[in-house]
N, C-alpha and C. Protein backbone atom coordinates (compact mmCIF):
# COMPACT_ATOMS: atom_id res chain seq x y z
N MET A 1 138.95 91.26 135.69
CA MET A 1 137.75 91.27 135.65
C MET A 1 137.00 91.88 136.94
N PRO A 2 136.37 92.12 136.70
CA PRO A 2 135.68 92.86 137.87
C PRO A 2 135.05 91.95 139.09
N LYS A 3 135.25 91.92 140.39
CA LYS A 3 134.30 90.39 141.16
C LYS A 3 133.09 91.04 141.17
N PRO A 4 132.10 89.85 140.89
CA PRO A 4 130.88 90.26 141.40
C PRO A 4 130.60 90.40 143.02
N PRO A 5 129.90 91.30 143.16
CA PRO A 5 129.99 91.78 144.87
C PRO A 5 129.29 90.95 145.47
N SER A 6 129.97 90.69 147.06
CA SER A 6 129.45 89.97 147.90
C SER A 6 127.92 90.44 148.19
N PRO A 7 126.89 89.09 148.71
CA PRO A 7 125.43 89.32 149.03
C PRO A 7 125.46 89.97 149.92
N ARG A 8 126.17 90.03 150.85
CA ARG A 8 126.24 91.21 152.01
C ARG A 8 125.82 92.61 151.30
N LYS A 9 127.18 93.17 150.17
CA LYS A 9 126.71 94.16 149.87
C LYS A 9 125.93 94.63 148.76
N ALA A 10 125.42 93.21 148.35
CA ALA A 10 123.99 93.13 147.25
C ALA A 10 123.14 94.12 148.43
N TRP A 11 122.86 93.67 149.04
CA TRP A 11 121.84 94.55 150.38
C TRP A 11 122.15 95.58 150.82
N ILE A 12 123.03 96.13 150.54
CA ILE A 12 123.12 97.93 151.00
C ILE A 12 122.68 98.65 150.06
N LEU A 13 122.26 98.88 148.81
CA LEU A 13 121.60 99.44 148.38
C LEU A 13 119.79 99.52 148.20
N PRO A 14 119.65 98.24 148.05
CA PRO A 14 117.94 98.17 148.56
C PRO A 14 117.60 98.74 150.12
N ILE A 15 118.49 98.17 151.29
CA ILE A 15 118.37 98.55 152.10
C ILE A 15 118.00 100.27 152.71
N ALA A 16 119.42 100.54 152.11
CA ALA A 16 119.48 102.19 152.04
C ALA A 16 118.55 102.92 151.28
N SER A 17 118.07 102.04 150.46
CA SER A 17 116.66 103.12 149.58
C SER A 17 115.39 102.97 150.24
N ILE A 18 115.50 101.82 151.23
CA ILE A 18 113.88 101.75 151.71
C ILE A 18 114.03 102.39 153.38
N SER A 19 115.04 102.69 153.94
CA SER A 19 115.38 103.32 154.98
C SER A 19 115.62 104.83 154.41
N VAL A 20 115.32 105.65 153.34
CA VAL A 20 115.21 106.58 152.86
C VAL A 20 113.48 107.26 153.06
N ILE A 21 112.84 106.01 152.14
CA ILE A 21 111.41 105.98 152.17
C ILE A 21 111.07 105.67 153.14
N VAL A 22 111.26 105.27 154.22
CA VAL A 22 110.58 105.04 155.87
C VAL A 22 110.81 106.76 156.53
N VAL A 23 112.07 106.85 156.53
CA VAL A 23 111.73 107.87 156.65
C VAL A 23 111.22 109.35 156.38
N LEU A 24 110.96 109.29 154.88
CA LEU A 24 110.56 110.27 154.40
C LEU A 24 109.11 110.21 155.07
N VAL A 25 108.27 108.92 154.70
CA VAL A 25 106.81 108.86 155.13
C VAL A 25 107.09 109.01 156.50
N LEU A 26 107.51 108.78 157.85
CA LEU A 26 107.32 108.74 159.05
C LEU A 26 107.51 110.33 159.42
N LEU A 27 107.85 111.42 158.76
CA LEU A 27 108.44 112.65 158.82
C LEU A 27 107.23 113.55 158.47
N GLY A 28 106.64 112.52 157.10
CA GLY A 28 106.03 113.18 156.20
C GLY A 28 103.86 113.08 156.89
N LEU A 29 104.06 111.91 157.69
CA LEU A 29 102.42 111.46 157.84
C LEU A 29 102.00 112.17 159.21
N PRO A 30 102.36 113.01 159.78
CA PRO A 30 101.82 113.92 160.58
C PRO A 30 101.23 115.61 159.49
N ARG A 31 102.16 115.30 159.16
CA ARG A 31 101.47 116.53 158.28
C ARG A 31 100.27 116.46 157.33
N ASP A 32 99.71 117.88 156.78
CA ASP A 32 98.04 117.53 155.75
C ASP A 32 98.81 118.05 154.37
N PRO A 33 98.62 117.42 153.66
CA PRO A 33 98.97 117.39 152.54
C PRO A 33 98.27 118.04 151.79
N TYR A 34 96.96 118.44 152.11
CA TYR A 34 96.24 119.50 151.47
C TYR A 34 96.05 120.74 152.03
N ALA A 35 96.88 120.89 152.93
CA ALA A 35 96.45 122.16 153.54
C ALA A 35 97.64 123.74 152.96
N ALA A 36 97.26 124.35 152.11
CA ALA A 36 97.81 125.66 151.14
C ALA A 36 97.77 126.16 152.01
N ALA A 37 98.90 125.96 153.04
CA ALA A 37 99.61 126.92 154.39
C ALA A 37 100.93 128.06 154.30
N TRP A 38 101.31 127.25 152.84
CA TRP A 38 102.99 128.21 152.79
C TRP A 38 102.74 128.97 151.48
N PRO A 39 103.63 129.84 151.35
CA PRO A 39 103.57 130.48 149.80
C PRO A 39 103.81 129.80 148.94
N ARG A 40 103.53 130.01 147.48
CA ARG A 40 103.71 129.59 146.48
C ARG A 40 105.13 129.26 146.08
N LEU A 41 105.50 128.41 145.92
CA LEU A 41 106.36 127.61 145.69
C LEU A 41 107.70 128.11 146.58
N ALA A 42 107.20 128.20 147.83
CA ALA A 42 108.28 127.98 148.72
C ALA A 42 109.97 127.30 148.85
N ALA A 43 110.61 128.15 149.27
CA ALA A 43 111.89 127.35 149.37
C ALA A 43 111.81 126.43 150.83
N PRO A 44 112.61 125.36 150.59
CA PRO A 44 113.42 124.44 151.37
C PRO A 44 113.48 125.27 152.96
N SER A 45 112.57 124.77 154.11
CA SER A 45 113.67 125.75 155.12
C SER A 45 113.13 124.62 156.37
N TRP A 46 113.08 124.42 157.44
CA TRP A 46 113.08 123.52 158.74
C TRP A 46 111.54 123.50 158.56
N ALA A 47 111.11 124.19 158.33
CA ALA A 47 109.17 123.96 158.66
C ALA A 47 109.27 123.37 157.33
N ILE A 48 109.54 123.52 156.23
CA ILE A 48 109.10 122.70 155.01
C ILE A 48 110.06 122.18 154.35
N PRO A 49 110.86 121.12 155.08
CA PRO A 49 111.90 120.84 154.49
C PRO A 49 112.37 120.63 153.03
N LEU A 50 111.17 120.35 152.14
CA LEU A 50 111.14 120.13 150.99
C LEU A 50 110.87 120.82 150.48
N GLY A 51 110.52 122.37 150.49
CA GLY A 51 109.49 123.27 150.22
C GLY A 51 107.86 123.14 149.83
N ALA A 52 107.70 123.97 148.98
CA ALA A 52 106.16 123.77 148.58
C ALA A 52 106.16 123.90 147.46
N ASP A 53 104.70 123.49 146.70
CA ASP A 53 104.41 123.31 145.63
C ASP A 53 103.36 124.57 145.25
N GLU A 54 103.02 124.43 143.66
CA GLU A 54 102.79 125.73 143.40
C GLU A 54 101.52 126.39 143.72
N SER A 55 100.47 125.48 144.68
CA SER A 55 99.56 125.90 145.57
C SER A 55 99.54 126.00 146.96
N GLY A 56 101.25 126.08 147.74
CA GLY A 56 101.50 126.28 148.79
C GLY A 56 101.42 125.04 149.38
N ARG A 57 101.47 124.03 149.19
CA ARG A 57 101.01 122.86 149.91
C ARG A 57 102.41 122.41 150.00
N ASP A 58 102.73 121.88 151.11
CA ASP A 58 104.04 120.91 151.64
C ASP A 58 104.27 119.90 150.74
N LEU A 59 105.55 120.14 150.42
CA LEU A 59 105.99 118.65 149.70
C LEU A 59 106.16 117.77 150.54
N LEU A 60 106.94 117.44 151.44
CA LEU A 60 107.30 116.51 152.31
C LEU A 60 105.97 115.99 152.70
N ALA A 61 104.70 116.44 152.89
CA ALA A 61 103.34 115.66 153.12
C ALA A 61 103.23 114.88 151.80
N ARG A 62 103.14 115.58 150.96
CA ARG A 62 102.29 114.97 150.19
C ARG A 62 103.32 114.10 149.18
N ILE A 63 104.96 114.12 149.28
CA ILE A 63 105.44 112.47 148.89
C ILE A 63 105.78 111.62 149.98
N SER A 64 105.29 111.99 151.20
CA SER A 64 105.18 110.73 152.30
C SER A 64 103.79 109.90 151.92
N HIS A 65 102.33 110.70 152.19
CA HIS A 65 101.48 110.42 151.61
C HIS A 65 100.98 109.13 150.56
N GLY A 66 101.77 110.29 149.58
CA GLY A 66 101.35 109.26 148.42
C GLY A 66 102.56 108.09 148.01
N ALA A 67 103.89 108.16 148.72
CA ALA A 67 104.68 106.95 148.95
C ALA A 67 103.82 106.00 150.22
N LEU A 68 103.21 106.46 150.76
CA LEU A 68 102.64 105.53 151.64
C LEU A 68 101.59 104.25 150.65
N ASP A 69 100.81 105.11 149.73
CA ASP A 69 99.80 104.57 149.57
C ASP A 69 100.65 103.84 147.98
N THR A 70 101.81 103.91 147.15
CA THR A 70 102.45 103.76 146.30
C THR A 70 103.09 101.90 146.67
N VAL A 71 103.91 102.66 147.96
CA VAL A 71 104.08 101.25 148.52
C VAL A 71 103.78 99.81 148.67
N PHE A 72 102.35 100.23 148.75
CA PHE A 72 101.05 99.04 149.47
C PHE A 72 100.62 98.35 147.95
N VAL A 73 100.81 99.39 146.92
CA VAL A 73 99.75 99.53 145.99
C VAL A 73 101.21 98.52 145.20
N ALA A 74 102.38 98.70 145.55
CA ALA A 74 103.39 97.98 144.55
C ALA A 74 103.80 96.53 145.10
N ILE A 75 103.58 96.49 146.63
CA ILE A 75 104.04 95.23 147.18
C ILE A 75 102.50 94.45 146.68
N ALA A 76 101.35 94.89 146.88
CA ALA A 76 100.28 93.85 146.35
C ALA A 76 100.64 93.56 144.62
N VAL A 77 101.05 94.63 143.93
CA VAL A 77 101.35 94.01 142.61
C VAL A 77 102.48 92.88 142.40
N SER A 78 103.42 93.92 143.23
CA SER A 78 105.14 92.14 142.90
C SER A 78 104.20 90.92 143.51
N ALA A 79 103.52 90.76 144.89
CA ALA A 79 103.17 89.63 145.22
C ALA A 79 102.21 88.68 144.20
N LEU A 80 101.42 89.60 143.64
CA LEU A 80 100.69 88.85 142.82
C LEU A 80 101.19 88.34 141.54
N CYS A 81 101.87 89.28 140.78
CA CYS A 81 102.74 88.49 140.04
C CYS A 81 103.40 87.30 140.09
N PHE A 82 104.42 87.46 140.83
CA PHE A 82 104.60 86.05 141.54
C PHE A 82 104.27 85.18 142.00
N VAL A 83 102.81 85.01 142.18
CA VAL A 83 101.88 83.98 142.42
C VAL A 83 101.59 83.69 141.28
N LEU A 84 101.10 84.95 140.03
CA LEU A 84 100.68 84.11 138.67
C LEU A 84 102.11 83.60 138.15
N GLY A 85 103.04 83.86 138.48
CA GLY A 85 103.91 83.37 137.43
C GLY A 85 104.69 82.44 137.61
N ILE A 86 104.68 81.89 139.30
CA ILE A 86 104.69 80.48 139.55
C ILE A 86 103.64 79.77 139.34
N VAL A 87 102.46 79.75 139.41
CA VAL A 87 101.37 79.11 139.51
C VAL A 87 101.10 78.81 138.03
N ILE A 88 101.31 79.47 137.16
CA ILE A 88 101.64 79.56 135.38
C ILE A 88 102.64 78.07 134.88
N GLY A 89 103.70 78.66 135.64
CA GLY A 89 104.97 78.50 134.85
C GLY A 89 105.24 76.78 135.81
N MET A 90 104.18 76.28 136.72
CA MET A 90 104.20 74.97 137.12
C MET A 90 103.70 74.13 135.88
N PHE A 91 103.10 74.65 134.82
CA PHE A 91 102.85 73.98 133.84
C PHE A 91 103.00 74.24 132.38
N PRO A 92 104.42 74.23 132.24
CA PRO A 92 105.28 74.74 131.10
C PRO A 92 104.47 74.35 129.52
N ASN A 93 103.68 72.99 129.93
CA ASN A 93 103.10 72.48 128.65
C ASN A 93 102.13 73.67 128.33
N ALA A 94 101.09 73.60 129.53
CA ALA A 94 99.84 74.19 129.05
C ALA A 94 99.94 75.84 129.06
N ALA A 95 100.76 76.51 129.62
CA ALA A 95 101.54 77.88 129.88
C ALA A 95 102.16 77.94 128.68
N ALA A 96 102.71 77.23 128.18
CA ALA A 96 103.68 78.08 126.67
C ALA A 96 103.27 79.44 125.79
N GLY A 97 102.33 78.65 125.02
CA GLY A 97 100.60 79.15 124.46
C GLY A 97 100.25 80.58 125.10
N LEU A 98 100.22 80.64 126.61
CA LEU A 98 99.83 81.78 127.11
C LEU A 98 100.81 82.80 126.60
N ILE A 99 101.91 82.01 127.49
CA ILE A 99 102.87 82.82 127.69
C ILE A 99 103.61 83.63 126.59
N GLU A 100 103.41 83.01 125.51
CA GLU A 100 103.65 83.53 123.68
C GLU A 100 102.73 84.49 123.90
N VAL A 101 101.16 84.65 123.82
CA VAL A 101 100.56 85.79 123.69
C VAL A 101 100.73 86.63 124.47
N LYS A 102 100.79 86.72 125.34
CA LYS A 102 101.33 88.00 125.73
C LYS A 102 102.22 88.36 126.06
N ASN A 103 103.65 87.34 125.51
CA ASN A 103 104.99 88.37 125.20
C ASN A 103 104.68 89.29 123.96
N ALA A 104 104.06 88.89 122.72
CA ALA A 104 103.42 89.09 121.70
C ALA A 104 102.61 90.86 122.35
N LEU A 105 101.56 91.11 122.96
CA LEU A 105 101.05 92.12 123.25
C LEU A 105 102.20 93.04 124.15
N PRO A 106 102.16 94.26 123.40
CA PRO A 106 102.70 95.07 124.10
C PRO A 106 101.91 95.63 125.27
N PRO A 107 103.02 95.63 126.55
CA PRO A 107 102.58 96.28 127.72
C PRO A 107 101.60 97.51 127.66
N VAL A 108 101.76 98.45 126.92
CA VAL A 108 101.37 99.33 126.65
C VAL A 108 99.74 99.65 125.68
N ILE A 109 99.98 98.41 125.23
CA ILE A 109 98.26 98.29 124.94
C ILE A 109 97.33 97.53 125.58
N ALA A 110 98.25 96.25 126.67
CA ALA A 110 97.04 96.18 127.74
C ALA A 110 96.61 97.23 128.87
N GLY A 111 98.02 97.96 129.21
CA GLY A 111 96.96 99.47 129.79
C GLY A 111 96.25 99.89 129.40
N LEU A 112 96.07 99.89 127.70
CA LEU A 112 94.80 100.76 127.20
C LEU A 112 93.73 99.82 127.24
N ILE A 113 93.54 98.39 127.17
CA ILE A 113 92.49 97.97 127.14
C ILE A 113 91.76 97.93 128.96
N VAL A 114 92.79 98.04 129.58
CA VAL A 114 92.35 98.26 130.87
C VAL A 114 91.92 99.82 131.35
N ALA A 115 92.05 100.58 130.89
CA ALA A 115 91.76 102.23 130.93
C ALA A 115 90.44 101.94 130.82
N GLY A 116 90.47 101.37 129.31
CA GLY A 116 89.21 101.95 128.54
C GLY A 116 87.75 100.63 129.43
N ILE A 117 88.35 99.75 130.08
CA ILE A 117 87.45 99.16 130.51
C ILE A 117 86.79 99.26 131.83
N ILE A 118 87.60 100.12 132.94
CA ILE A 118 87.34 100.29 133.85
C ILE A 118 88.01 101.32 134.01
N GLY A 119 88.37 102.35 133.57
CA GLY A 119 88.68 103.97 133.32
C GLY A 119 89.81 103.93 134.02
N PRO A 120 90.87 105.23 134.09
CA PRO A 120 91.88 105.42 134.97
C PRO A 120 91.70 105.57 136.10
N SER A 121 92.47 104.68 137.35
CA SER A 121 92.58 104.56 138.74
C SER A 121 93.74 103.71 139.16
N ALA A 122 93.97 104.05 140.19
CA ALA A 122 95.44 103.20 140.93
C ALA A 122 95.04 101.58 140.71
N ILE A 123 93.70 101.09 140.64
CA ILE A 123 93.11 99.92 140.39
C ILE A 123 93.90 99.47 139.10
N GLY A 124 92.96 100.37 138.36
CA GLY A 124 93.32 99.63 136.79
C GLY A 124 94.82 99.80 136.26
N ALA A 125 95.74 100.89 136.96
CA ALA A 125 97.02 100.94 136.62
C ALA A 125 97.72 99.81 137.30
N ALA A 126 97.30 99.36 138.34
CA ALA A 126 97.61 98.08 139.29
C ALA A 126 97.74 96.36 138.29
N LEU A 127 96.15 96.96 137.63
CA LEU A 127 95.80 95.49 137.24
C LEU A 127 96.49 95.47 135.46
N ALA A 128 96.63 96.78 135.08
CA ALA A 128 97.49 96.60 133.85
C ALA A 128 98.88 96.41 134.31
N ILE A 129 99.85 96.84 134.85
CA ILE A 129 101.23 95.99 135.68
C ILE A 129 101.09 94.61 135.57
N THR A 130 100.18 94.09 136.66
CA THR A 130 100.12 93.07 136.79
C THR A 130 100.01 91.48 135.35
N LEU A 131 98.90 92.62 134.63
CA LEU A 131 99.15 91.75 133.51
C LEU A 131 99.87 91.43 132.50
N ALA A 132 100.85 92.83 132.62
CA ALA A 132 102.05 93.51 131.97
C ALA A 132 103.26 91.83 132.87
N GLY A 133 103.23 91.89 133.84
CA GLY A 133 104.33 91.89 134.81
C GLY A 133 104.43 90.16 135.08
N TRP A 134 103.23 89.24 134.75
CA TRP A 134 103.49 87.59 135.12
C TRP A 134 104.17 86.99 134.23
N ALA A 135 104.00 86.93 132.99
CA ALA A 135 105.14 86.66 131.88
C ALA A 135 106.56 86.29 132.18
N PRO A 136 107.10 87.30 132.61
CA PRO A 136 108.48 87.16 132.63
C PRO A 136 109.21 85.71 133.54
N LEU A 137 108.12 86.33 134.73
CA LEU A 137 108.42 85.03 135.59
C LEU A 137 108.05 83.73 135.52
N ALA A 138 106.85 83.59 134.53
CA ALA A 138 106.19 82.39 134.66
C ALA A 138 107.45 81.97 133.30
N ALA A 139 107.87 82.30 132.58
CA ALA A 139 108.86 81.77 131.33
C ALA A 139 109.63 81.36 132.29
N HIS A 140 110.06 81.92 133.12
CA HIS A 140 111.35 81.81 134.04
C HIS A 140 111.33 80.10 134.88
N THR A 141 109.90 80.65 135.45
CA THR A 141 109.75 79.20 135.84
C THR A 141 109.64 78.24 135.70
N ALA A 142 108.95 78.09 133.97
CA ALA A 142 108.87 77.09 133.08
C ALA A 142 109.64 76.42 133.20
N ALA A 143 110.96 77.43 132.84
CA ALA A 143 112.05 76.70 132.20
C ALA A 143 113.18 75.71 133.79
N LEU A 144 112.91 76.46 134.87
CA LEU A 144 113.39 75.72 136.01
C LEU A 144 112.51 74.88 136.12
N VAL A 145 111.23 74.59 135.92
CA VAL A 145 110.25 73.18 136.08
C VAL A 145 111.19 72.04 135.21
N ALA A 146 111.35 72.67 133.87
CA ALA A 146 112.05 72.10 132.82
C ALA A 146 113.76 71.27 133.62
N GLU A 147 114.08 72.15 134.53
CA GLU A 147 115.58 71.53 134.66
C GLU A 147 115.79 70.38 135.45
N VAL A 148 114.55 70.94 136.98
CA VAL A 148 114.02 69.99 137.88
C VAL A 148 114.02 68.90 137.51
N ARG A 149 112.68 68.75 137.02
CA ARG A 149 111.73 67.57 136.39
C ARG A 149 113.36 67.00 135.54
N ALA A 150 114.07 67.21 134.93
CA ALA A 150 115.60 66.70 134.22
C ALA A 150 116.39 65.72 135.25
N GLN A 151 116.02 66.19 136.39
CA GLN A 151 117.06 65.25 137.37
C GLN A 151 116.48 63.79 137.99
N PRO A 152 117.93 62.95 137.89
CA PRO A 152 117.29 61.42 138.57
C PRO A 152 116.30 61.28 139.31
N TYR A 153 116.63 62.31 140.79
CA TYR A 153 115.42 61.94 141.51
C TYR A 153 114.31 62.27 141.64
N VAL A 154 114.23 63.18 140.43
CA VAL A 154 112.90 63.57 140.12
C VAL A 154 111.93 62.58 139.07
N GLN A 155 112.85 61.76 138.34
CA GLN A 155 112.51 61.30 137.05
C GLN A 155 112.05 59.83 138.07
N ILE A 156 113.01 59.41 138.91
CA ILE A 156 113.08 58.15 139.51
C ILE A 156 111.70 58.16 140.52
N ALA A 157 111.01 59.45 140.77
CA ALA A 157 110.32 59.27 142.22
C ALA A 157 108.83 58.54 141.59
N PRO A 158 107.99 58.62 140.11
CA PRO A 158 106.95 58.25 139.94
C PRO A 158 107.23 56.88 140.31
N MET A 159 108.28 56.26 140.16
CA MET A 159 108.73 54.71 139.87
C MET A 159 108.44 54.32 141.49
N LEU A 160 108.57 54.71 142.28
CA LEU A 160 108.47 54.34 143.66
C LEU A 160 106.88 54.67 143.76
N GLY A 161 106.25 55.59 143.43
CA GLY A 161 105.01 55.46 143.85
C GLY A 161 104.46 57.09 143.92
N VAL A 162 105.40 57.61 143.84
CA VAL A 162 105.11 59.20 144.15
C VAL A 162 104.30 59.62 143.64
N GLY A 163 103.17 60.23 143.76
CA GLY A 163 102.09 60.83 142.69
C GLY A 163 102.20 61.86 142.18
N ARG A 164 101.88 62.52 141.38
CA ARG A 164 102.02 64.21 139.97
C ARG A 164 101.57 65.04 141.41
N ALA A 165 101.17 65.36 142.08
CA ALA A 165 100.55 66.21 142.99
C ALA A 165 101.69 66.18 143.98
N ARG A 166 101.52 65.09 144.50
CA ARG A 166 103.25 65.03 145.97
C ARG A 166 104.78 65.37 144.86
N LEU A 167 104.63 64.75 143.38
CA LEU A 167 105.78 65.53 142.68
C LEU A 167 106.11 66.36 143.08
N MET A 168 105.08 67.24 142.17
CA MET A 168 105.12 69.03 141.63
C MET A 168 105.49 69.54 143.27
N ILE A 169 104.59 69.33 144.43
CA ILE A 169 104.86 70.16 145.78
C ILE A 169 106.05 70.05 146.17
N ARG A 170 106.51 68.32 146.46
CA ARG A 170 107.38 68.22 147.15
C ARG A 170 108.97 68.02 146.20
N TYR A 171 109.10 67.98 144.99
CA TYR A 171 110.30 67.94 144.14
C TYR A 171 110.54 68.41 143.88
N VAL A 172 108.70 69.56 142.71
CA VAL A 172 109.85 70.64 141.82
C VAL A 172 109.65 72.02 142.55
N LEU A 173 108.70 71.80 143.29
CA LEU A 173 108.64 73.28 143.74
C LEU A 173 109.39 73.98 144.44
N PRO A 174 110.09 73.50 145.29
CA PRO A 174 111.28 73.84 146.33
C PRO A 174 112.28 74.27 145.63
N GLY A 175 112.59 73.53 144.33
CA GLY A 175 113.64 73.94 143.30
C GLY A 175 113.14 74.97 142.37
N VAL A 176 111.95 75.40 142.70
CA VAL A 176 111.66 76.54 141.71
C VAL A 176 111.67 77.76 142.26
N VAL A 177 111.18 77.90 143.17
CA VAL A 177 110.95 79.15 144.56
C VAL A 177 111.99 79.49 144.69
N GLY A 178 113.17 78.55 144.88
CA GLY A 178 114.13 79.30 145.22
C GLY A 178 114.76 80.66 144.62
N PRO A 179 115.10 79.87 143.39
CA PRO A 179 115.48 81.25 142.87
C PRO A 179 114.83 82.08 141.87
N CYS A 180 113.42 81.57 142.09
CA CYS A 180 112.72 82.70 141.82
C CYS A 180 112.59 83.96 142.76
N SER A 181 112.25 83.96 143.83
CA SER A 181 112.34 84.54 145.15
C SER A 181 113.66 85.18 145.17
N GLY A 182 114.67 84.71 144.36
CA GLY A 182 116.11 85.43 145.07
C GLY A 182 117.44 84.36 145.89
N THR A 183 116.71 83.49 146.57
CA THR A 183 117.53 82.46 146.94
C THR A 183 118.39 81.91 146.47
N PRO A 184 119.62 81.60 147.02
CA PRO A 184 120.90 80.65 146.10
C PRO A 184 120.14 79.04 146.01
N HIS A 185 120.14 78.89 144.95
CA HIS A 185 119.78 77.50 144.80
C HIS A 185 119.96 76.81 143.66
N SER A 186 120.36 75.31 143.70
CA SER A 186 120.98 75.02 142.61
C SER A 186 119.53 73.39 142.54
N ALA A 187 119.36 73.42 141.32
CA ALA A 187 118.07 72.19 141.13
C ALA A 187 119.06 71.14 141.18
N CYS A 188 120.42 71.22 140.72
CA CYS A 188 121.19 70.08 140.31
C CYS A 188 121.69 69.51 142.11
N GLN A 189 121.39 70.52 142.91
CA GLN A 189 121.83 70.13 144.32
C GLN A 189 120.78 69.31 145.21
N ALA A 190 120.36 68.29 145.47
CA ALA A 190 119.13 67.29 145.88
C ALA A 190 119.55 67.50 147.40
N SER A 191 118.78 67.77 148.13
CA SER A 191 118.58 68.08 149.04
C SER A 191 117.97 66.61 149.94
N PRO A 192 118.38 66.58 151.04
CA PRO A 192 118.27 65.00 151.98
C PRO A 192 116.92 64.20 151.54
N SER A 193 116.12 65.06 151.20
CA SER A 193 114.38 64.67 151.04
C SER A 193 114.38 63.98 149.57
N HIS A 194 115.35 64.67 148.53
CA HIS A 194 115.23 64.14 147.24
C HIS A 194 116.21 63.39 147.14
N SER A 195 117.39 62.83 147.56
CA SER A 195 118.77 61.64 147.62
C SER A 195 117.25 60.34 147.78
N ARG A 196 116.27 60.64 148.54
CA ARG A 196 116.04 59.25 149.23
C ARG A 196 115.27 58.54 148.05
N PRO A 197 114.92 58.62 147.00
CA PRO A 197 114.00 57.58 146.08
C PRO A 197 115.28 57.23 145.54
N SER A 198 116.52 57.57 144.92
CA SER A 198 117.87 57.27 144.55
C SER A 198 118.25 56.20 145.58
N ASP A 199 118.21 56.92 146.99
CA ASP A 199 118.60 55.52 148.14
C ASP A 199 117.95 54.47 148.01
N SER A 200 116.69 54.45 147.83
CA SER A 200 115.88 53.41 148.33
C SER A 200 115.67 52.42 147.23
N SER A 201 115.91 53.66 145.78
CA SER A 201 115.97 52.05 144.77
C SER A 201 117.01 51.17 144.88
N ALA A 202 118.12 52.19 145.29
CA ALA A 202 119.50 51.52 145.58
C ALA A 202 119.58 50.43 146.60
N SER A 203 118.51 50.66 147.30
CA SER A 203 119.15 49.50 148.46
C SER A 203 118.01 48.21 147.48
N ALA A 204 116.80 48.74 147.11
CA ALA A 204 115.82 47.93 146.72
C ALA A 204 116.76 46.68 145.66
N ARG A 205 117.58 47.56 145.19
CA ARG A 205 118.10 46.59 143.49
C ARG A 205 119.19 45.66 144.39
N ASP A 206 119.48 46.27 145.36
CA ASP A 206 121.00 45.29 146.46
C ASP A 206 119.97 44.14 146.88
N ARG A 207 118.69 44.23 147.26
CA ARG A 207 117.99 43.24 147.87
C ARG A 207 117.53 41.95 146.77
N ARG A 208 117.68 43.06 145.63
CA ARG A 208 117.11 41.50 144.18
C ARG A 208 117.78 41.10 144.17
N HIS A 209 119.21 41.85 144.09
CA HIS A 209 120.93 41.33 143.47
C HIS A 209 120.84 40.13 144.58
N ARG A 210 121.07 40.04 146.11
CA ARG A 210 121.08 39.29 146.76
C ARG A 210 119.99 37.74 146.69
N THR A 211 118.62 38.22 147.17
CA THR A 211 117.81 37.01 146.85
C THR A 211 117.92 36.62 145.18
N GLY A 212 118.40 37.02 144.39
CA GLY A 212 118.64 36.40 143.20
C GLY A 212 119.71 35.34 142.91
N ALA A 213 120.62 35.71 143.88
CA ALA A 213 122.06 35.16 144.27
C ALA A 213 121.30 33.64 144.85
């Protein structure tokens, strides 16, 4: 069986891709993407490394300026989908119906609805992708929440006076954000802060046993 790639090797391709994008953006930003200063469909050269388009515009300049705008939109959409997925998935009982409705709606339909309301634009495309992209992460988050809440240290916390809000933020959320963000984490491994409720309960039982004795 092939061995899975090591975590260090798994970062090689993303880092290489980001490096290529950064180099293209830095090389093309000083250029004018709208100036038709070159022959139509000019071949690549030292002056225009990627050649010219059918209007005589520098392709490197157009790619770099377009990539810069696209990267910012992609980062914003990814961050918004991540936040929505985590927040909605933290309440699996309330979010189950919403997730099912979203999964039943094809992404193309969501895009058409958004385009019909606000018109075709970059903001409309970003909004359509956001509406279509949060549901898988929310479903994954809901499954992780159920897994974390089934752990003994989480189940015993309310008996020790831990409120619902603190339970979700202090005990459940750390076990959800790690896997959703790609950080290696196991919900079954309790951190030292997670093990305190069980230790405290054991100490309390020992004291009651000695007192009764």
